[in-house]
Amino acid sequence: MATIYLVRHGQASFGKDNYDQLSPCGWEQGRVLGRWLSGKVRPDAVFGGNMERHRETVEAIASGYGDALPDMQAVSGLNEFDHMEVVERLRPEWADRQRMASDLAAFPKPARAFQQAFEKAMARWVSGDHDNEYTESWEAFRGRVITALDELIEYTDGGETLVSTSGGPIAVIAQHLLHLSDHKALEMNNVIANTSVSRILYSGARRSLAVFNNYSHLEAEDPALVTFR
């Protein structure tokens, strides 16, 4: 059976002016994954969203992999949803990043406070009750991710494929393959680690999720590299 390796990007730069780039930890996570993949996987094709963190993750993987990887082909359908728009529809005042930083700094654990707000914002988005307020509805997001998966499978037609994407698309693909509820998809999204690997096996119309959210490569080299945001 043919194989698709879905990789969540390395840790992005949360709290920085440009979130859409890897943090130093994110670069190291990618290099560790590259070393782990070397000798185990030889991709016939590499795809990713057209976000900076997707491209940089492939670059980090390549630096650890050693041998040359195929050039990454960008597919916009593999992009993450606009997480800040989702948050701002719940907390409009957080469109001002300084206000958001100030509000979060008031909590003993700012990252946890953001995660709690993010989960509430996601539930609001996924409910479908406010679709007219979002540039992209949950249903539209799910549809374009699954379309991208179908097109990728048709294009590659076998072999081993490496895909650099984000937690949202990976959760949606897992939901689709396992026939899960939206609620379960949100739960899965919350636990997908940076540079974790999920594995899809396919043959003809048959598609199976064989592995989900494997980050043993990070645990084996340095458990401190395991991050989820």
Protein backbone atom coordinates (compact mmCIF):
# COMPACT_ATOMS: atom_id res chain seq x y z
CA MET A 1 0.00 0.00 0.00
CA ALA A 2 1.09 3.58 -0.65
CA THR A 3 1.91 5.83 2.31
CA ILE A 4 1.38 9.47 3.20
CA TYR A 5 3.31 10.86 6.16
CA LEU A 6 1.46 13.88 7.58
CA VAL A 7 3.84 16.07 9.57
CA ARG A 8 2.68 18.91 11.76
CA HIS A 9 5.02 21.87 11.40
CA GLY A 10 7.63 22.65 14.02
CA GLN A 11 6.85 25.05 16.83
CA ALA A 12 5.88 28.46 15.43
CA SER A 13 6.76 31.82 16.97
CA PHE A 14 3.83 32.42 19.31
CA GLY A 15 3.79 35.96 20.68
CA LYS A 16 6.21 37.30 18.06
CA ASP A 17 5.44 39.83 15.33
CA ASN A 18 5.58 37.06 12.74
CA TYR A 19 3.89 33.96 14.13
CA ASP A 20 4.26 32.17 10.79
CA GLN A 21 7.89 31.19 11.21
CA LEU A 22 9.61 28.51 13.22
CA SER A 23 11.01 29.23 16.64
CA PRO A 24 14.55 27.97 17.39
CA CYS A 25 12.85 24.98 19.06
CA GLY A 26 10.79 24.41 15.91
CA TRP A 27 13.92 24.28 13.75
CA GLU A 28 15.51 21.74 16.08
CA GLN A 29 12.32 19.64 16.11
CA GLY A 30 12.49 19.52 12.31
CA ARG A 31 16.13 18.50 12.28
CA VAL A 32 15.44 15.73 14.81
CA LEU A 33 12.59 14.44 12.65
CA GLY A 34 14.85 14.51 9.59
CA ARG A 35 17.42 12.35 11.36
CA TRP A 36 14.68 9.95 12.46
CA LEU A 37 13.26 9.67 8.93
CA SER A 38 16.68 9.04 7.39
CA GLY A 39 17.03 5.37 6.53
CA LYS A 40 13.36 4.69 7.26
CA VAL A 41 11.48 6.75 4.68
CA ARG A 42 12.49 7.78 1.17
CA PRO A 43 9.80 10.16 -0.10
CA ASP A 44 8.93 10.14 -3.77
CA ALA A 45 7.22 13.51 -3.36
CA VAL A 46 7.01 16.29 -0.77
CA PHE A 47 3.99 18.56 -0.36
CA GLY A 48 3.02 21.28 2.06
CA GLY A 49 0.76 24.24 2.57
CA ASN A 50 2.09 27.55 1.30
CA MET A 51 2.66 28.95 4.78
CA GLU A 52 6.14 29.92 5.91
CA ARG A 53 6.17 27.45 8.81
CA HIS A 54 5.33 24.59 6.45
CA ARG A 55 8.22 25.44 4.13
CA GLU A 56 10.66 26.00 6.98
CA THR A 57 9.71 22.66 8.53
CA VAL A 58 10.64 20.89 5.29
CA GLU A 59 13.92 22.82 5.24
CA ALA A 60 14.65 21.74 8.82
CA ILE A 61 13.76 18.12 8.02
CA ALA A 62 16.05 18.21 4.98
CA SER A 63 18.98 19.50 7.04
CA GLY A 64 18.64 16.56 9.42
CA TYR A 65 17.80 14.00 6.75
CA GLY A 66 21.18 14.20 5.07
CA ASP A 67 20.24 13.11 1.55
CA ALA A 68 18.38 15.39 -0.83
CA LEU A 69 14.60 15.46 -0.59
CA PRO A 70 12.30 16.24 -3.54
CA ASP A 71 11.37 19.92 -3.80
CA MET A 72 8.28 20.78 -1.80
CA GLN A 73 5.17 21.44 -3.88
CA ALA A 74 2.83 23.97 -2.25
CA VAL A 75 -0.89 23.16 -2.00
CA SER A 76 -3.03 25.91 -0.48
CA GLY A 77 -5.69 23.39 0.55
CA LEU A 78 -3.23 22.11 3.18
CA ASN A 79 -3.03 25.51 4.91
CA GLU A 80 -4.18 25.99 8.48
CA PHE A 81 -7.36 27.95 9.21
CA ASP A 82 -6.93 31.54 10.40
CA HIS A 83 -6.67 30.81 14.12
CA MET A 84 -6.46 34.47 15.11
CA GLU A 85 -9.64 35.32 13.24
CA VAL A 86 -11.35 32.48 15.10
CA VAL A 87 -10.10 33.83 18.43
CA GLU A 88 -11.00 37.43 17.59
CA ARG A 89 -14.61 36.53 16.83
CA LEU A 90 -14.86 35.42 20.47
CA ARG A 91 -12.61 38.17 21.84
CA PRO A 92 -12.78 41.14 19.41
CA GLU A 93 -10.54 43.25 21.66
CA TRP A 94 -7.69 40.81 20.98
CA ALA A 95 -7.35 42.16 17.46
CA ASP A 96 -5.08 44.55 19.36
CA ARG A 97 -2.11 42.24 20.03
CA GLN A 98 -0.81 44.45 22.83
CA ARG A 99 -4.20 44.20 24.55
CA MET A 100 -4.14 40.42 24.14
CA ALA A 101 -0.63 40.19 25.56
CA SER A 102 -1.60 42.41 28.49
CA ASP A 103 -4.73 40.38 29.24
CA LEU A 104 -2.86 37.09 29.13
CA ALA A 105 0.01 38.40 31.24
CA ALA A 106 -2.47 38.90 34.08
CA PHE A 107 -2.82 35.12 34.40
CA PRO A 108 -0.32 32.96 36.33
CA LYS A 109 0.01 30.77 33.22
CA PRO A 110 -0.60 32.91 30.09
CA ALA A 111 -0.20 29.99 27.65
CA ARG A 112 -2.88 28.00 29.48
CA ALA A 113 -5.17 31.04 29.53
CA PHE A 114 -4.77 31.43 25.77
CA GLN A 115 -5.45 27.72 25.24
CA GLN A 116 -8.69 27.96 27.21
CA ALA A 117 -9.84 30.96 25.18
CA PHE A 118 -8.79 29.20 21.98
CA GLU A 119 -10.85 26.11 22.80
CA LYS A 120 -13.94 28.25 23.44
CA ALA A 121 -13.35 30.13 20.19
CA MET A 122 -12.98 26.88 18.27
CA ALA A 123 -16.24 25.50 19.68
CA ARG A 124 -18.01 28.70 18.58
CA TRP A 125 -16.58 28.41 15.06
CA VAL A 126 -17.36 24.72 14.68
CA SER A 127 -20.94 25.12 15.91
CA GLY A 128 -21.99 26.63 12.58
CA ASP A 129 -24.19 29.16 14.38
CA HIS A 130 -22.03 32.12 13.36
CA ASP A 131 -20.77 31.15 9.89
CA ASN A 132 -21.49 34.56 8.42
CA GLU A 133 -18.92 36.10 10.79
CA TYR A 134 -15.96 34.08 9.47
CA THR A 135 -13.96 34.37 6.27
CA GLU A 136 -13.92 30.57 6.13
CA SER A 137 -16.52 28.44 7.90
CA TRP A 138 -15.62 25.15 9.58
CA GLU A 139 -17.45 23.23 6.86
CA ALA A 140 -15.58 25.12 4.14
CA PHE A 141 -12.28 24.42 5.88
CA ARG A 142 -13.03 20.71 6.17
CA GLY A 143 -14.10 20.57 2.53
CA ARG A 144 -10.99 22.16 1.09
CA VAL A 145 -8.66 19.99 3.23
CA ILE A 146 -10.34 16.74 2.12
CA THR A 147 -10.33 17.96 -1.48
CA ALA A 148 -6.59 18.62 -1.17
CA LEU A 149 -6.06 15.10 0.21
CA ASP A 150 -8.02 13.56 -2.68
CA GLU A 151 -6.05 15.56 -5.25
CA LEU A 152 -2.75 14.68 -3.61
CA ILE A 153 -3.55 10.96 -3.69
CA GLU A 154 -4.62 11.19 -7.32
CA TYR A 155 -1.46 13.08 -8.26
CA THR A 156 1.05 10.87 -6.45
CA ASP A 157 -0.61 7.56 -7.36
CA GLY A 158 1.48 5.44 -5.01
CA GLY A 159 4.88 5.53 -3.36
CA GLU A 160 5.82 7.43 -0.23
CA THR A 161 4.71 11.03 0.21
CA LEU A 162 5.78 13.50 2.90
CA VAL A 163 3.35 16.31 3.74
CA SER A 164 4.15 19.34 5.90
CA THR A 165 0.96 20.89 7.22
CA SER A 166 -0.73 22.03 10.44
CA GLY A 167 -2.74 20.54 13.28
CA GLY A 168 -6.12 21.58 11.89
CA PRO A 169 -5.78 19.77 8.53
CA ILE A 170 -4.34 16.69 10.26
CA ALA A 171 -7.27 16.58 12.70
CA VAL A 172 -9.78 17.00 9.86
CA ILE A 173 -8.17 14.20 7.83
CA ALA A 174 -8.19 11.91 10.86
CA GLN A 175 -11.83 12.81 11.51
CA HIS A 176 -12.70 12.01 7.90
CA LEU A 177 -10.91 8.65 7.86
CA LEU A 178 -12.26 7.55 11.25
CA HIS A 179 -15.77 9.02 10.80
CA LEU A 180 -15.56 11.05 13.99
CA SER A 181 -17.71 13.90 15.28
CA ASP A 182 -16.62 17.53 15.16
CA HIS A 183 -16.17 17.42 18.93
CA LYS A 184 -13.70 14.53 18.62
CA ALA A 185 -11.87 16.37 15.86
CA LEU A 186 -11.35 19.33 18.20
CA GLU A 187 -10.04 17.01 20.91
CA MET A 188 -7.58 15.49 18.45
CA ASN A 189 -6.43 18.92 17.29
CA ASN A 190 -5.54 19.86 20.86
CA VAL A 191 -3.06 16.99 21.31
CA ILE A 192 -1.16 17.03 18.00
CA ALA A 193 2.50 17.71 18.80
CA ASN A 194 4.84 19.80 16.69
CA THR A 195 6.61 17.65 14.07
CA SER A 196 4.51 14.64 15.04
CA VAL A 197 3.92 12.13 12.25
CA SER A 198 0.56 10.64 11.28
CA ARG A 199 0.56 7.91 8.65
CA ILE A 200 -2.09 7.21 6.03
CA LEU A 201 -2.10 3.99 4.01
CA TYR A 202 -4.07 3.87 0.78
CA SER A 203 -4.73 1.59 -2.16
CA GLY A 204 -7.37 2.53 -4.71
CA ALA A 205 -10.41 3.75 -2.80
CA ARG A 206 -9.17 2.24 0.48
CA ARG A 207 -7.70 4.72 2.95
CA SER A 208 -6.69 4.04 6.53
CA LEU A 209 -5.16 6.00 9.36
CA ALA A 210 -2.40 3.67 10.50
CA VAL A 211 -0.56 6.00 12.90
CA PHE A 212 -1.67 9.21 14.61
CA ASN A 213 0.49 11.86 16.29
CA ASN A 214 3.73 9.91 16.73
CA TYR A 215 6.42 12.10 18.31
CA SER A 216 8.66 9.36 19.67
CA HIS A 217 11.58 10.85 17.71
CA LEU A 218 11.45 13.91 20.00
CA GLU A 219 11.02 11.87 23.18
CA ALA A 220 14.01 9.69 22.27
CA GLU A 221 16.37 12.59 21.60
CA ASP A 222 15.19 15.24 24.07
CA PRO A 223 11.78 15.16 25.80
CA ALA A 224 12.04 18.95 26.31
CA LEU A 225 11.49 19.29 22.55
CA VAL A 226 7.89 18.01 22.84
CA THR A 227 5.56 21.00 22.36
CA PHE A 228 1.94 21.37 21.35
CA ARG A 229 1.81 25.09 20.52
